[in-house]
Amino acid sequence: MSSPACLVPSGVRGLGGTDLLPTTVQVGVDICAVADVAESLREFGDRYRRRVYTDGELEYCSAQPALEPQRLAARFAAKEATLKVLRPSGWWPDWRTMDVRRHADGWCELHLTGAAASLAAERGIVALSVSLTHEGPLAAAVVIGQLDGPWMRGVGR
């Protein structure tokens, strides 16, 4: 059993005055050089695209070819950050089981399928949040996983 990364004490009030229940989170952060992704695109082309990214990610990222390397680098960083939250041991889920979807209003959501979703369930991860950015030569992502597992039962509830 790992120690909590963050525990909200009982009785703490959230927005609107509601009590916050104790929550444990795990955080993953990653930074990616846009040039590395651009080189992989040049060297491996569609083989690289299809190995790492989902159809939806590719559709969004290729809609503006000048931004494709930056957008793909941000999604690569999100996948790496997700792995840091999932903490796989001995094997990694397929890259395409981690899907970053951009909402029409501009924010992104992270959807897991297959082995990544199974690993999240095993780890007690009940929700994920993702934030992406890219500026100049770098792209970065932060992923927060909210946990709810046996160690949380009865704690402040």
Protein backbone atom coordinates (compact mmCIF):
# COMPACT_ATOMS: atom_id res chain seq x y z
CA MET A 1 0.00 0.00 0.00
CA SER A 2 1.45 3.35 -1.01
CA SER A 3 1.00 6.48 1.04
CA PRO A 4 -1.50 9.06 -0.20
CA ALA A 5 -0.17 11.85 -2.40
CA CYS A 6 -2.83 14.21 -1.07
CA LEU A 7 -5.51 13.72 1.54
CA VAL A 8 -8.31 16.23 2.07
CA PRO A 9 -9.19 16.21 5.79
CA SER A 10 -12.76 15.65 6.92
CA GLY A 11 -14.75 18.85 7.41
CA VAL A 12 -12.91 20.86 4.76
CA ARG A 13 -15.40 22.93 2.78
CA GLY A 14 -15.35 23.12 -1.01
CA LEU A 15 -16.91 25.58 -3.43
CA GLY A 16 -20.51 26.32 -2.53
CA GLY A 17 -19.89 25.34 1.11
CA THR A 18 -20.15 21.57 0.59
CA ASP A 19 -18.00 19.18 2.58
CA LEU A 20 -15.12 17.68 0.62
CA LEU A 21 -14.75 13.95 1.08
CA PRO A 22 -11.24 12.62 1.64
CA THR A 23 -9.57 12.07 -1.70
CA THR A 24 -6.26 10.62 -2.70
CA VAL A 25 -4.69 11.72 -5.96
CA GLN A 26 -1.72 10.63 -7.99
CA VAL A 27 -0.07 13.13 -10.29
CA GLY A 28 1.93 12.53 -13.44
CA VAL A 29 3.85 15.23 -15.30
CA ASP A 30 5.81 14.96 -18.52
CA ILE A 31 7.59 17.27 -20.93
CA CYS A 32 8.36 16.40 -24.54
CA ALA A 33 10.64 18.02 -27.10
CA VAL A 34 8.60 18.93 -30.19
CA ALA A 35 11.71 18.29 -32.33
CA ASP A 36 11.78 14.64 -31.22
CA VAL A 37 8.20 14.12 -32.38
CA ALA A 38 8.87 16.00 -35.64
CA GLU A 39 11.86 13.74 -36.29
CA SER A 40 9.78 10.60 -35.63
CA LEU A 41 7.16 11.91 -38.07
CA ARG A 42 9.83 12.45 -40.73
CA GLU A 43 11.62 9.16 -40.14
CA PHE A 44 8.70 6.80 -39.53
CA GLY A 45 5.65 8.69 -40.84
CA ASP A 46 2.37 6.82 -40.59
CA ARG A 47 4.02 3.87 -38.83
CA TYR A 48 4.82 6.18 -35.91
CA ARG A 49 1.43 7.90 -36.03
CA ARG A 50 -0.52 4.61 -35.98
CA ARG A 51 1.63 3.07 -33.24
CA VAL A 52 1.23 5.93 -30.76
CA TYR A 53 -1.93 7.95 -31.52
CA THR A 54 -5.63 7.18 -31.84
CA ASP A 55 -7.61 8.06 -34.97
CA GLY A 56 -9.29 10.93 -33.16
CA GLU A 57 -5.97 12.36 -31.99
CA LEU A 58 -4.55 12.13 -35.50
CA GLU A 59 -7.61 13.78 -37.02
CA TYR A 60 -7.43 16.74 -34.64
CA CYS A 61 -3.64 17.15 -34.77
CA SER A 62 -3.36 16.95 -38.56
CA ALA A 63 -6.17 19.46 -39.17
CA GLN A 64 -3.51 22.22 -39.05
CA PRO A 65 -0.31 20.68 -40.49
CA ALA A 66 1.92 23.47 -39.15
CA LEU A 67 0.79 22.61 -35.59
CA GLU A 68 0.83 18.83 -35.94
CA PRO A 69 4.23 18.21 -34.25
CA GLN A 70 3.34 20.45 -31.28
CA ARG A 71 -0.09 18.91 -30.83
CA LEU A 72 1.23 15.36 -31.12
CA ALA A 73 4.07 16.15 -28.68
CA ALA A 74 1.54 17.41 -26.13
CA ARG A 75 -0.46 14.20 -26.50
CA PHE A 76 2.70 12.11 -26.19
CA ALA A 77 3.49 13.96 -22.96
CA ALA A 78 -0.07 13.24 -21.76
CA LYS A 79 0.37 9.53 -22.42
CA GLU A 80 3.68 9.51 -20.52
CA ALA A 81 2.10 11.45 -17.64
CA THR A 82 -0.79 8.95 -17.63
CA LEU A 83 1.67 6.08 -17.26
CA LYS A 84 3.14 7.86 -14.23
CA VAL A 85 -0.34 7.90 -12.68
CA LEU A 86 -1.13 4.30 -13.64
CA ARG A 87 2.25 3.01 -12.40
CA PRO A 88 2.42 -0.16 -14.49
CA SER A 89 4.78 -2.87 -13.30
CA GLY A 90 6.50 -5.16 -15.79
CA TRP A 91 4.47 -4.10 -18.83
CA TRP A 92 2.96 -0.99 -20.39
CA PRO A 93 -0.45 -0.66 -21.98
CA ASP A 94 -0.59 0.13 -25.69
CA TRP A 95 -0.18 3.86 -26.37
CA ARG A 96 -3.52 3.93 -28.19
CA THR A 97 -5.42 2.82 -25.07
CA MET A 98 -4.82 6.35 -23.76
CA ASP A 99 -6.81 8.83 -25.84
CA VAL A 100 -6.72 12.62 -25.45
CA ARG A 101 -9.93 14.17 -26.75
CA ARG A 102 -10.30 17.91 -27.25
CA HIS A 103 -13.64 19.41 -26.29
CA ALA A 104 -15.18 22.00 -28.64
CA ASP A 105 -14.57 24.65 -25.95
CA GLY A 106 -10.82 23.94 -25.96
CA TRP A 107 -10.18 21.79 -22.90
CA CYS A 108 -9.12 18.16 -23.15
CA GLU A 109 -10.35 14.92 -21.61
CA LEU A 110 -8.46 11.68 -21.18
CA HIS A 111 -10.21 8.43 -22.09
CA LEU A 112 -8.76 5.01 -21.31
CA THR A 113 -9.67 1.76 -23.01
CA GLY A 114 -8.39 -1.81 -22.96
CA ALA A 115 -5.35 -2.53 -20.79
CA ALA A 116 -5.01 1.10 -19.64
CA ALA A 117 -8.61 1.14 -18.40
CA SER A 118 -8.11 -2.22 -16.66
CA LEU A 119 -4.94 -0.98 -14.98
CA ALA A 120 -6.73 2.17 -13.80
CA ALA A 121 -9.51 0.04 -12.31
CA GLU A 122 -6.97 -2.23 -10.57
CA ARG A 123 -5.28 0.84 -9.08
CA GLY A 124 -8.59 2.29 -7.82
CA ILE A 125 -8.45 5.28 -10.16
CA VAL A 126 -11.99 6.57 -10.55
CA ALA A 127 -11.37 9.80 -12.50
CA LEU A 128 -8.62 11.44 -14.56
CA SER A 129 -7.96 15.06 -15.46
CA VAL A 130 -5.46 16.23 -18.05
CA SER A 131 -3.96 19.58 -18.96
CA LEU A 132 -1.78 20.09 -22.05
CA THR A 133 0.42 22.91 -23.26
CA HIS A 134 2.90 23.54 -26.04
CA GLU A 135 5.07 26.56 -26.58
CA GLY A 136 8.05 26.80 -28.89
CA PRO A 137 10.28 23.74 -28.65
CA LEU A 138 8.44 22.07 -25.75
CA ALA A 139 5.13 20.41 -24.98
CA ALA A 140 4.00 19.34 -21.54
CA ALA A 141 1.13 17.60 -19.79
CA VAL A 142 -0.15 17.07 -16.27
CA VAL A 143 -2.46 14.19 -15.43
CA ILE A 144 -4.23 13.82 -12.09
CA GLY A 145 -5.83 10.56 -11.13
CA GLN A 146 -8.42 10.47 -8.33
CA LEU A 147 -8.22 7.27 -6.34
CA ASP A 148 -10.86 5.48 -4.35
CA GLY A 149 -9.81 2.16 -2.92
CA PRO A 150 -10.02 -0.03 0.16
CA TRP A 151 -7.58 2.23 2.04
CA MET A 152 -10.07 5.12 1.69
CA ARG A 153 -13.11 3.31 3.14
CA GLY A 154 -14.10 4.70 6.49
CA VAL A 155 -11.61 7.59 6.39
CA GLY A 156 -13.66 10.69 7.19
CA ARG A 157 -16.80 9.32 5.57
